[in-house]
Amino acid sequence: VGYYYAATDKAPKPGEYKYLTQGILRVDNLLVTFTILTNDG
């Protein structure tokens, strides 16, 4: 099990991503950190 959140950047600069989804998940005896960067659509 793990946890994450999703947020929208107030002022992304050109070439940066607008949306961030980030968290951490336990996978057996590992902790898997993750970052998902996307834009509209």
PDB file of all heavy atoms in Angstrom:
ATOM      1  N   VAL A   1       0.844  -1.192   0.000  1.00  0.00           N
ATOM      2  CA  VAL A   1       0.000   0.000   0.000  1.00  0.00           C
ATOM      3  C   VAL A   1       0.882   1.246   0.000  1.00  0.00           C
ATOM      4  O   VAL A   1       2.028   1.207   0.453  1.00  0.00           O
ATOM      5  CB  VAL A   1      -0.960  -0.002   1.220  1.00  0.00           C
ATOM      6  CG1 VAL A   1      -0.192   0.150   2.529  1.00  0.00           C
ATOM      7  CG2 VAL A   1      -2.014   1.072   1.097  1.00  0.00           C
ATOM      8  N   GLY A   2       0.338   2.332  -0.509  1.00  0.00           N
ATOM      9  CA  GLY A   2       1.043   3.602  -0.517  1.00  0.00           C
ATOM     10  C   GLY A   2       0.052   4.741  -0.607  1.00  0.00           C
ATOM     11  O   GLY A   2      -1.168   4.551  -0.493  1.00  0.00           O
ATOM     12  N   TYR A   3       0.594   5.944  -0.853  1.00  0.00           N
ATOM     13  CA  TYR A   3      -0.230   7.148  -0.907  1.00  0.00           C
ATOM     14  C   TYR A   3       0.334   8.091  -1.949  1.00  0.00           C
ATOM     15  O   TYR A   3       1.542   8.085  -2.221  1.00  0.00           O
ATOM     16  CB  TYR A   3      -0.273   7.830   0.467  1.00  0.00           C
ATOM     17  CG  TYR A   3      -0.928   6.950   1.492  1.00  0.00           C
ATOM     18  CD1 TYR A   3      -0.172   6.056   2.246  1.00  0.00           C
ATOM     19  CD2 TYR A   3      -2.306   6.978   1.671  1.00  0.00           C
ATOM     20  CE1 TYR A   3      -0.777   5.208   3.152  1.00  0.00           C
ATOM     21  CE2 TYR A   3      -2.912   6.122   2.584  1.00  0.00           C
ATOM     22  CZ  TYR A   3      -2.142   5.251   3.323  1.00  0.00           C
ATOM     23  OH  TYR A   3      -2.740   4.399   4.214  1.00  0.00           O
ATOM     24  N   TYR A   4      -0.544   8.921  -2.501  1.00  0.00           N
ATOM     25  CA  TYR A   4      -0.115   9.912  -3.470  1.00  0.00           C
ATOM     26  C   TYR A   4      -1.046  11.117  -3.430  1.00  0.00           C
ATOM     27  O   TYR A   4      -2.096  11.086  -2.793  1.00  0.00           O
ATOM     28  CB  TYR A   4      -0.060   9.311  -4.879  1.00  0.00           C
ATOM     29  CG  TYR A   4      -1.398   9.016  -5.508  1.00  0.00           C
ATOM     30  CD1 TYR A   4      -1.995   9.923  -6.386  1.00  0.00           C
ATOM     31  CD2 TYR A   4      -2.067   7.831  -5.245  1.00  0.00           C
ATOM     32  CE1 TYR A   4      -3.219   9.647  -6.973  1.00  0.00           C
ATOM     33  CE2 TYR A   4      -3.280   7.546  -5.830  1.00  0.00           C
ATOM     34  CZ  TYR A   4      -3.865   8.465  -6.695  1.00  0.00           C
ATOM     35  OH  TYR A   4      -5.068   8.196  -7.271  1.00  0.00           O
ATOM     36  N   TYR A   5      -0.666  12.156  -4.126  1.00  0.00           N
ATOM     37  CA  TYR A   5      -1.492  13.344  -4.282  1.00  0.00           C
ATOM     38  C   TYR A   5      -1.358  13.829  -5.720  1.00  0.00           C
ATOM     39  O   TYR A   5      -0.438  13.425  -6.449  1.00  0.00           O
ATOM     40  CB  TYR A   5      -1.063  14.452  -3.310  1.00  0.00           C
ATOM     41  CG  TYR A   5       0.298  15.010  -3.619  1.00  0.00           C
ATOM     42  CD1 TYR A   5       0.446  16.102  -4.466  1.00  0.00           C
ATOM     43  CD2 TYR A   5       1.445  14.430  -3.085  1.00  0.00           C
ATOM     44  CE1 TYR A   5       1.711  16.593  -4.777  1.00  0.00           C
ATOM     45  CE2 TYR A   5       2.694  14.914  -3.383  1.00  0.00           C
ATOM     46  CZ  TYR A   5       2.817  15.997  -4.235  1.00  0.00           C
ATOM     47  OH  TYR A   5       4.064  16.483  -4.551  1.00  0.00           O
ATOM     48  N   ALA A   6      -2.270  14.676  -6.121  1.00  0.00           N
ATOM     49  CA  ALA A   6      -2.215  15.299  -7.439  1.00  0.00           C
ATOM     50  C   ALA A   6      -2.412  16.797  -7.253  1.00  0.00           C
ATOM     51  O   ALA A   6      -3.258  17.223  -6.456  1.00  0.00           O
ATOM     52  CB  ALA A   6      -3.297  14.729  -8.344  1.00  0.00           C
ATOM     53  N   ALA A   7      -1.614  17.589  -7.971  1.00  0.00           N
ATOM     54  CA  ALA A   7      -1.681  19.039  -7.846  1.00  0.00           C
ATOM     55  C   ALA A   7      -1.432  19.695  -9.197  1.00  0.00           C
ATOM     56  O   ALA A   7      -0.811  19.110 -10.081  1.00  0.00           O
ATOM     57  CB  ALA A   7      -0.654  19.528  -6.821  1.00  0.00           C
ATOM     58  N   THR A   8      -1.909  20.929  -9.315  1.00  0.00           N
ATOM     59  CA  THR A   8      -1.743  21.727 -10.519  1.00  0.00           C
ATOM     60  C   THR A   8      -0.822  22.894 -10.218  1.00  0.00           C
ATOM     61  O   THR A   8      -1.063  23.637  -9.259  1.00  0.00           O
ATOM     62  CB  THR A   8      -3.113  22.271 -10.993  1.00  0.00           C
ATOM     63  OG1 THR A   8      -4.034  21.186 -11.086  1.00  0.00           O
ATOM     64  CG2 THR A   8      -2.994  22.972 -12.327  1.00  0.00           C
ATOM     65  N   ASP A   9       0.220  23.061 -11.015  1.00  0.00           N
ATOM     66  CA  ASP A   9       1.166  24.167 -10.851  1.00  0.00           C
ATOM     67  C   ASP A   9       0.465  25.482 -11.170  1.00  0.00           C
ATOM     68  O   ASP A   9      -0.160  25.620 -12.216  1.00  0.00           O
ATOM     69  CB  ASP A   9       2.362  23.954 -11.789  1.00  0.00           C
ATOM     70  CG  ASP A   9       3.528  24.890 -11.509  1.00  0.00           C
ATOM     71  OD1 ASP A   9       3.311  25.996 -10.959  1.00  0.00           O
ATOM     72  OD2 ASP A   9       4.652  24.517 -11.858  1.00  0.00           O
ATOM     73  N   LYS A  10       0.573  26.466 -10.265  1.00  0.00           N
ATOM     74  CA  LYS A  10      -0.038  27.780 -10.482  1.00  0.00           C
ATOM     75  C   LYS A  10       0.525  28.484 -11.700  1.00  0.00           C
ATOM     76  O   LYS A  10      -0.197  29.151 -12.425  1.00  0.00           O
ATOM     77  CB  LYS A  10       0.209  28.682  -9.257  1.00  0.00           C
ATOM     78  CG  LYS A  10      -0.728  28.534  -8.140  1.00  0.00           C
ATOM     79  CD  LYS A  10      -0.399  29.567  -7.074  1.00  0.00           C
ATOM     80  CE  LYS A  10      -1.201  29.349  -5.821  1.00  0.00           C
ATOM     81  NZ  LYS A  10      -0.815  30.286  -4.754  1.00  0.00           N
ATOM     82  N   ALA A  11       1.824  28.372 -11.891  1.00  0.00           N
ATOM     83  CA  ALA A  11       2.490  29.141 -12.945  1.00  0.00           C
ATOM     84  C   ALA A  11       3.617  28.329 -13.583  1.00  0.00           C
ATOM     85  O   ALA A  11       4.799  28.642 -13.399  1.00  0.00           O
ATOM     86  CB  ALA A  11       3.029  30.442 -12.363  1.00  0.00           C
ATOM     87  N   PRO A  12       3.262  27.302 -14.360  1.00  0.00           N
ATOM     88  CA  PRO A  12       4.338  26.544 -15.002  1.00  0.00           C
ATOM     89  C   PRO A  12       5.049  27.398 -16.044  1.00  0.00           C
ATOM     90  O   PRO A  12       4.409  28.146 -16.779  1.00  0.00           O
ATOM     91  CB  PRO A  12       3.610  25.362 -15.649  1.00  0.00           C
ATOM     92  CG  PRO A  12       2.197  25.805 -15.798  1.00  0.00           C
ATOM     93  CD  PRO A  12       1.944  26.799 -14.712  1.00  0.00           C
ATOM     94  N   LYS A  13       6.352  27.313 -16.065  1.00  0.00           N
ATOM     95  CA  LYS A  13       7.143  28.053 -17.049  1.00  0.00           C
ATOM     96  C   LYS A  13       7.062  27.322 -18.387  1.00  0.00           C
ATOM     97  O   LYS A  13       6.725  26.138 -18.439  1.00  0.00           O
ATOM     98  CB  LYS A  13       8.590  28.156 -16.568  1.00  0.00           C
ATOM     99  CG  LYS A  13       8.723  28.954 -15.292  1.00  0.00           C
ATOM    100  CD  LYS A  13      10.156  29.019 -14.812  1.00  0.00           C
ATOM    101  CE  LYS A  13      10.191  29.840 -13.546  1.00  0.00           C
ATOM    102  NZ  LYS A  13      10.921  29.243 -12.489  1.00  0.00           N
ATOM    103  N   PRO A  14       7.395  28.010 -19.477  1.00  0.00           N
ATOM    104  CA  PRO A  14       7.386  27.333 -20.778  1.00  0.00           C
ATOM    105  C   PRO A  14       8.261  26.076 -20.734  1.00  0.00           C
ATOM    106  O   PRO A  14       9.364  26.088 -20.204  1.00  0.00           O
ATOM    107  CB  PRO A  14       7.980  28.383 -21.721  1.00  0.00           C
ATOM    108  CG  PRO A  14       7.682  29.690 -21.058  1.00  0.00           C
ATOM    109  CD  PRO A  14       7.760  29.416 -19.577  1.00  0.00           C
ATOM    110  N   GLY A  15       7.712  24.979 -21.265  1.00  0.00           N
ATOM    111  CA  GLY A  15       8.445  23.718 -21.281  1.00  0.00           C
ATOM    112  C   GLY A  15       8.277  22.895 -20.019  1.00  0.00           C
ATOM    113  O   GLY A  15       8.712  21.749 -19.961  1.00  0.00           O
ATOM    114  N   GLU A  16       7.650  23.450 -18.975  1.00  0.00           N
ATOM    115  CA  GLU A  16       7.403  22.699 -17.746  1.00  0.00           C
ATOM    116  C   GLU A  16       6.018  22.058 -17.805  1.00  0.00           C
ATOM    117  O   GLU A  16       5.195  22.402 -18.652  1.00  0.00           O
ATOM    118  CB  GLU A  16       7.495  23.614 -16.525  1.00  0.00           C
ATOM    119  CG  GLU A  16       8.894  24.091 -16.232  1.00  0.00           C
ATOM    120  CD  GLU A  16       8.986  24.917 -14.964  1.00  0.00           C
ATOM    121  OE1 GLU A  16       7.951  25.368 -14.426  1.00  0.00           O
ATOM    122  OE2 GLU A  16      10.110  25.118 -14.511  1.00  0.00           O
ATOM    123  N   TYR A  17       5.766  21.158 -16.895  1.00  0.00           N
ATOM    124  CA  TYR A  17       4.496  20.463 -16.844  1.00  0.00           C
ATOM    125  C   TYR A  17       3.522  21.169 -15.916  1.00  0.00           C
ATOM    126  O   TYR A  17       3.923  21.769 -14.920  1.00  0.00           O
ATOM    127  CB  TYR A  17       4.697  19.017 -16.391  1.00  0.00           C
ATOM    128  CG  TYR A  17       5.443  18.201 -17.411  1.00  0.00           C
ATOM    129  CD1 TYR A  17       6.816  17.982 -17.293  1.00  0.00           C
ATOM    130  CD2 TYR A  17       4.782  17.670 -18.510  1.00  0.00           C
ATOM    131  CE1 TYR A  17       7.497  17.246 -18.241  1.00  0.00           C
ATOM    132  CE2 TYR A  17       5.460  16.929 -19.460  1.00  0.00           C
ATOM    133  CZ  TYR A  17       6.821  16.727 -19.326  1.00  0.00           C
ATOM    134  OH  TYR A  17       7.493  15.999 -20.267  1.00  0.00           O
ATOM    135  N   LYS A  18       2.246  21.062 -16.249  1.00  0.00           N
ATOM    136  CA  LYS A  18       1.194  21.717 -15.476  1.00  0.00           C
ATOM    137  C   LYS A  18       0.729  20.857 -14.293  1.00  0.00           C
ATOM    138  O   LYS A  18       0.403  21.369 -13.237  1.00  0.00           O
ATOM    139  CB  LYS A  18       0.019  22.009 -16.407  1.00  0.00           C
ATOM    140  CG  LYS A  18      -1.116  22.779 -15.778  1.00  0.00           C
ATOM    141  CD  LYS A  18      -2.159  23.135 -16.825  1.00  0.00           C
ATOM    142  CE  LYS A  18      -3.312  23.904 -16.225  1.00  0.00           C
ATOM    143  NZ  LYS A  18      -4.322  24.233 -17.257  1.00  0.00           N
ATOM    144  N   TYR A  19       0.701  19.525 -14.476  1.00  0.00           N
ATOM    145  CA  TYR A  19       0.145  18.631 -13.457  1.00  0.00           C
ATOM    146  C   TYR A  19       1.216  17.721 -12.857  1.00  0.00           C
ATOM    147  O   TYR A  19       2.074  17.207 -13.572  1.00  0.00           O
ATOM    148  CB  TYR A  19      -0.963  17.760 -14.060  1.00  0.00           C
ATOM    149  CG  TYR A  19      -2.073  18.578 -14.658  1.00  0.00           C
ATOM    150  CD1 TYR A  19      -2.220  18.670 -16.042  1.00  0.00           C
ATOM    151  CD2 TYR A  19      -2.968  19.274 -13.852  1.00  0.00           C
ATOM    152  CE1 TYR A  19      -3.225  19.432 -16.604  1.00  0.00           C
ATOM    153  CE2 TYR A  19      -3.975  20.043 -14.411  1.00  0.00           C
ATOM    154  CZ  TYR A  19      -4.098  20.124 -15.785  1.00  0.00           C
ATOM    155  OH  TYR A  19      -5.092  20.882 -16.338  1.00  0.00           O
ATOM    156  N   LEU A  20       1.120  17.544 -11.559  1.00  0.00           N
ATOM    157  CA  LEU A  20       2.044  16.697 -10.810  1.00  0.00           C
ATOM    158  C   LEU A  20       1.230  15.689 -10.006  1.00  0.00           C
ATOM    159  O   LEU A  20       0.306  16.060  -9.280  1.00  0.00           O
ATOM    160  CB  LEU A  20       2.878  17.556  -9.852  1.00  0.00           C
ATOM    161  CG  LEU A  20       3.658  16.833  -8.751  1.00  0.00           C
ATOM    162  CD1 LEU A  20       4.789  16.011  -9.359  1.00  0.00           C
ATOM    163  CD2 LEU A  20       4.200  17.835  -7.743  1.00  0.00           C
ATOM    164  N   THR A  21       1.581  14.421 -10.161  1.00  0.00           N
ATOM    165  CA  THR A  21       1.037  13.359  -9.314  1.00  0.00           C
ATOM    166  C   THR A  21       2.262  12.691  -8.702  1.00  0.00           C
ATOM    167  O   THR A  21       3.186  12.305  -9.422  1.00  0.00           O
ATOM    168  CB  THR A  21       0.217  12.348 -10.137  1.00  0.00           C
ATOM    169  OG1 THR A  21      -0.835  13.045 -10.813  1.00  0.00           O
ATOM    170  CG2 THR A  21      -0.374  11.268  -9.241  1.00  0.00           C
ATOM    171  N   GLN A  22       2.296  12.595  -7.382  1.00  0.00           N
ATOM    172  CA  GLN A  22       3.523  12.127  -6.726  1.00  0.00           C
ATOM    173  C   GLN A  22       3.169  11.346  -5.472  1.00  0.00           C
ATOM    174  O   GLN A  22       2.191  11.658  -4.792  1.00  0.00           O
ATOM    175  CB  GLN A  22       4.376  13.341  -6.365  1.00  0.00           C
ATOM    176  CG  GLN A  22       5.777  13.025  -5.943  1.00  0.00           C
ATOM    177  CD  GLN A  22       6.604  14.295  -5.820  1.00  0.00           C
ATOM    178  OE1 GLN A  22       6.221  15.221  -5.122  1.00  0.00           O
ATOM    179  NE2 GLN A  22       7.730  14.331  -6.497  1.00  0.00           N
ATOM    180  N   GLY A  23       3.987  10.325  -5.174  1.00  0.00           N
ATOM    181  CA  GLY A  23       3.730   9.559  -3.973  1.00  0.00           C
ATOM    182  C   GLY A  23       4.767   8.491  -3.723  1.00  0.00           C
ATOM    183  O   GLY A  23       5.861   8.506  -4.299  1.00  0.00           O
ATOM    184  N   ILE A  24       4.381   7.574  -2.839  1.00  0.00           N
ATOM    185  CA  ILE A  24       5.264   6.487  -2.441  1.00  0.00           C
ATOM    186  C   ILE A  24       4.401   5.238  -2.217  1.00  0.00           C
ATOM    187  O   ILE A  24       3.296   5.329  -1.686  1.00  0.00           O
ATOM    188  CB  ILE A  24       6.074   6.869  -1.176  1.00  0.00           C
ATOM    189  CG1 ILE A  24       7.148   5.841  -0.878  1.00  0.00           C
ATOM    190  CG2 ILE A  24       5.176   7.090   0.013  1.00  0.00           C
ATOM    191  CD1 ILE A  24       8.186   6.351   0.129  1.00  0.00           C
ATOM    192  N   LEU A  25       4.920   4.101  -2.668  1.00  0.00           N
ATOM    193  CA  LEU A  25       4.199   2.832  -2.590  1.00  0.00           C
ATOM    194  C   LEU A  25       5.145   1.770  -2.049  1.00  0.00           C
ATOM    195  O   LEU A  25       6.275   1.654  -2.508  1.00  0.00           O
ATOM    196  CB  LEU A  25       3.702   2.429  -3.988  1.00  0.00           C
ATOM    197  CG  LEU A  25       3.067   1.053  -4.140  1.00  0.00           C
ATOM    198  CD1 LEU A  25       1.740   0.968  -3.389  1.00  0.00           C
ATOM    199  CD2 LEU A  25       2.848   0.747  -5.627  1.00  0.00           C
ATOM    200  N   ARG A  26       4.657   1.013  -1.096  1.00  0.00           N
ATOM    201  CA  ARG A  26       5.447  -0.121  -0.625  1.00  0.00           C
ATOM    202  C   ARG A  26       5.201  -1.300  -1.557  1.00  0.00           C
ATOM    203  O   ARG A  26       4.056  -1.644  -1.869  1.00  0.00           O
ATOM    204  CB  ARG A  26       5.063  -0.499   0.800  1.00  0.00           C
ATOM    205  CG  ARG A  26       5.934  -1.629   1.313  1.00  0.00           C
ATOM    206  CD  ARG A  26       5.896  -1.745   2.785  1.00  0.00           C
ATOM    207  NE  ARG A  26       6.701  -2.893   3.184  1.00  0.00           N
ATOM    208  CZ  ARG A  26       6.859  -3.253   4.424  1.00  0.00           C
ATOM    209  NH1 ARG A  26       6.316  -2.571   5.395  1.00  0.00           N
ATOM    210  NH2 ARG A  26       7.599  -4.298   4.720  1.00  0.00           N
ATOM    211  N   VAL A  27       6.294  -1.900  -2.035  1.00  0.00           N
ATOM    212  CA  VAL A  27       6.227  -3.084  -2.893  1.00  0.00           C
ATOM    213  C   VAL A  27       7.108  -4.128  -2.227  1.00  0.00           C
ATOM    214  O   VAL A  27       8.332  -4.075  -2.322  1.00  0.00           O
ATOM    215  CB  VAL A  27       6.718  -2.780  -4.327  1.00  0.00           C
ATOM    216  CG1 VAL A  27       6.700  -4.038  -5.175  1.00  0.00           C
ATOM    217  CG2 VAL A  27       5.866  -1.687  -4.967  1.00  0.00           C
ATOM    218  N   ASP A  28       6.469  -5.038  -1.492  1.00  0.00           N
ATOM    219  CA  ASP A  28       7.190  -6.022  -0.686  1.00  0.00           C
ATOM    220  C   ASP A  28       8.143  -5.290   0.257  1.00  0.00           C
ATOM    221  O   ASP A  28       7.689  -4.500   1.070  1.00  0.00           O
ATOM    222  CB  ASP A  28       7.905  -7.049  -1.569  1.00  0.00           C
ATOM    223  CG  ASP A  28       6.923  -7.905  -2.362  1.00  0.00           C
ATOM    224  OD1 ASP A  28       5.857  -8.234  -1.808  1.00  0.00           O
ATOM    225  OD2 ASP A  28       7.199  -8.214  -3.527  1.00  0.00           O
ATOM    226  N   ASN A  29       9.468  -5.509   0.130  1.00  0.00           N
ATOM    227  CA  ASN A  29      10.402  -4.821   1.035  1.00  0.00           C
ATOM    228  C   ASN A  29      11.089  -3.640   0.350  1.00  0.00           C
ATOM    229  O   ASN A  29      12.179  -3.234   0.745  1.00  0.00           O
ATOM    230  CB  ASN A  29      11.417  -5.795   1.630  1.00  0.00           C
ATOM    231  CG  ASN A  29      12.387  -6.320   0.598  1.00  0.00           C
ATOM    232  OD1 ASN A  29      12.092  -6.349  -0.588  1.00  0.00           O
ATOM    233  ND2 ASN A  29      13.554  -6.737   1.053  1.00  0.00           N
ATOM    234  N   LEU A  30      10.442  -3.078  -0.663  1.00  0.00           N
ATOM    235  CA  LEU A  30      10.934  -1.861  -1.324  1.00  0.00           C
ATOM    236  C   LEU A  30       9.970  -0.718  -1.054  1.00  0.00           C
ATOM    237  O   LEU A  30       8.771  -0.923  -0.860  1.00  0.00           O
ATOM    238  CB  LEU A  30      10.995  -2.056  -2.848  1.00  0.00           C
ATOM    239  CG  LEU A  30      11.889  -3.129  -3.425  1.00  0.00           C
ATOM    240  CD1 LEU A  30      11.662  -3.216  -4.926  1.00  0.00           C
ATOM    241  CD2 LEU A  30      13.351  -2.826  -3.120  1.00  0.00           C
ATOM    242  N   LEU A  31      10.514   0.497  -1.077  1.00  0.00           N
ATOM    243  CA  LEU A  31       9.673   1.690  -1.128  1.00  0.00           C
ATOM    244  C   LEU A  31       9.868   2.268  -2.520  1.00  0.00           C
ATOM    245  O   LEU A  31      10.996   2.549  -2.931  1.00  0.00           O
ATOM    246  CB  LEU A  31      10.097   2.709  -0.072  1.00  0.00           C
ATOM    247  CG  LEU A  31       9.872   2.286   1.375  1.00  0.00           C
ATOM    248  CD1 LEU A  31      10.357   3.373   2.326  1.00  0.00           C
ATOM    249  CD2 LEU A  31       8.406   1.971   1.627  1.00  0.00           C
ATOM    250  N   VAL A  32       8.783   2.410  -3.259  1.00  0.00           N
ATOM    251  CA  VAL A  32       8.853   2.911  -4.623  1.00  0.00           C
ATOM    252  C   VAL A  32       8.301   4.327  -4.632  1.00  0.00           C
ATOM    253  O   VAL A  32       7.102   4.544  -4.393  1.00  0.00           O
ATOM    254  CB  VAL A  32       8.068   2.000  -5.588  1.00  0.00           C
ATOM    255  CG1 VAL A  32       8.095   2.568  -7.006  1.00  0.00           C
ATOM    256  CG2 VAL A  32       8.634   0.584  -5.553  1.00  0.00           C
ATOM    257  N   THR A  33       9.186   5.300  -4.877  1.00  0.00           N
ATOM    258  CA  THR A  33       8.742   6.676  -5.011  1.00  0.00           C
ATOM    259  C   THR A  33       8.421   6.932  -6.476  1.00  0.00           C
ATOM    260  O   THR A  33       9.036   6.333  -7.364  1.00  0.00           O
ATOM    261  CB  THR A  33       9.814   7.675  -4.532  1.00  0.00           C
ATOM    262  OG1 THR A  33      10.963   7.573  -5.370  1.00  0.00           O
ATOM    263  CG2 THR A  33      10.199   7.421  -3.079  1.00  0.00           C
ATOM    264  N   PHE A  34       7.457   7.797  -6.719  1.00  0.00           N
ATOM    265  CA  PHE A  34       7.080   8.067  -8.106  1.00  0.00           C
ATOM    266  C   PHE A  34       6.633   9.506  -8.293  1.00  0.00           C
ATOM    267  O   PHE A  34       6.100  10.132  -7.392  1.00  0.00           O
ATOM    268  CB  PHE A  34       5.992   7.101  -8.582  1.00  0.00           C
ATOM    269  CG  PHE A  34       4.709   7.142  -7.787  1.00  0.00           C
ATOM    270  CD1 PHE A  34       3.658   7.966  -8.178  1.00  0.00           C
ATOM    271  CD2 PHE A  34       4.539   6.347  -6.670  1.00  0.00           C
ATOM    272  CE1 PHE A  34       2.477   8.009  -7.456  1.00  0.00           C
ATOM    273  CE2 PHE A  34       3.362   6.367  -5.943  1.00  0.00           C
ATOM    274  CZ  PHE A  34       2.320   7.206  -6.340  1.00  0.00           C
ATOM    275  N   THR A  35       6.901  10.001  -9.501  1.00  0.00           N
ATOM    276  CA  THR A  35       6.504  11.335  -9.934  1.00  0.00           C
ATOM    277  C   THR A  35       5.942  11.195 -11.344  1.00  0.00           C
ATOM    278  O   THR A  35       6.596  10.615 -12.214  1.00  0.00           O
ATOM    279  CB  THR A  35       7.706  12.301  -9.935  1.00  0.00           C
ATOM    280  OG1 THR A  35       8.233  12.377  -8.602  1.00  0.00           O
ATOM    281  CG2 THR A  35       7.312  13.677 -10.415  1.00  0.00           C
ATOM    282  N   ILE A  36       4.748  11.735 -11.552  1.00  0.00           N
ATOM    283  CA  ILE A  36       4.094  11.710 -12.858  1.00  0.00           C
ATOM    284  C   ILE A  36       3.862  13.158 -13.262  1.00  0.00           C
ATOM    285  O   ILE A  36       3.158  13.890 -12.560  1.00  0.00           O
ATOM    286  CB  ILE A  36       2.754  10.941 -12.788  1.00  0.00           C
ATOM    287  CG1 ILE A  36       2.959   9.535 -12.203  1.00  0.00           C
ATOM    288  CG2 ILE A  36       2.083  10.907 -14.158  1.00  0.00           C
ATOM    289  CD1 ILE A  36       1.675   8.856 -11.752  1.00  0.00           C
ATOM    290  N   LEU A  37       4.448  13.560 -14.377  1.00  0.00           N
ATOM    291  CA  LEU A  37       4.343  14.939 -14.860  1.00  0.00           C
ATOM    292  C   LEU A  37       3.609  14.954 -16.194  1.00  0.00           C
ATOM    293  O   LEU A  37       4.039  14.293 -17.147  1.00  0.00           O
ATOM    294  CB  LEU A  37       5.744  15.539 -15.023  1.00  0.00           C
ATOM    295  CG  LEU A  37       6.584  15.589 -13.747  1.00  0.00           C
ATOM    296  CD1 LEU A  37       8.039  15.891 -14.073  1.00  0.00           C
ATOM    297  CD2 LEU A  37       6.016  16.630 -12.793  1.00  0.00           C
ATOM    298  N   THR A  38       2.502  15.709 -16.257  1.00  0.00           N
ATOM    299  CA  THR A  38       1.683  15.739 -17.459  1.00  0.00           C
ATOM    300  C   THR A  38       1.162  17.149 -17.731  1.00  0.00           C
ATOM    301  O   THR A  38       1.345  18.062 -16.920  1.00  0.00           O
ATOM    302  CB  THR A  38       0.471  14.787 -17.320  1.00  0.00           C
ATOM    303  OG1 THR A  38      -0.296  15.187 -16.179  1.00  0.00           O
ATOM    304  CG2 THR A  38       0.893  13.338 -17.188  1.00  0.00           C
ATOM    305  N   ASN A  39       0.469  17.270 -18.859  1.00  0.00           N
ATOM    306  CA  ASN A  39      -0.201  18.511 -19.234  1.00  0.00           C
ATOM    307  C   ASN A  39      -1.664  18.210 -19.538  1.00  0.00           C
ATOM    308  O   ASN A  39      -2.128  17.086 -19.337  1.00  0.00           O
ATOM    309  CB  ASN A  39       0.507  19.149 -20.445  1.00  0.00           C
ATOM    310  CG  ASN A  39       1.791  19.844 -20.025  1.00  0.00           C
ATOM    311  OD1 ASN A  39       1.809  20.621 -19.085  1.00  0.00           O
ATOM    312  ND2 ASN A  39       2.870  19.551 -20.720  1.00  0.00           N
ATOM    313  N   ASP A  40      -2.385  19.202 -20.042  1.00  0.00           N
ATOM    314  CA  ASP A  40      -3.807  19.042 -20.348  1.00  0.00           C
ATOM    315  C   ASP A  40      -4.040  17.848 -21.271  1.00  0.00           C
ATOM    316  O   ASP A  40      -3.247  17.575 -22.173  1.00  0.00           O
ATOM    317  CB  ASP A  40      -4.352  20.314 -21.006  1.00  0.00           C
ATOM    318  CG  ASP A  40      -4.453  21.479 -20.023  1.00  0.00           C
ATOM    319  OD1 ASP A  40      -4.730  21.237 -18.830  1.00  0.00           O
ATOM    320  OD2 ASP A  40      -4.262  22.634 -20.452  1.00  0.00           O
ATOM    321  N   GLY A  41      -5.139  17.142 -21.040  1.00  0.00           N
ATOM    322  CA  GLY A  41      -5.541  16.050 -21.903  1.00  0.00           C
ATOM    323  C   GLY A  41      -4.791  14.748 -21.698  1.00  0.00           C
ATOM    324  O   GLY A  41      -4.866  13.857 -22.538  1.00  0.00           O
TER     325      GLY A  41
END
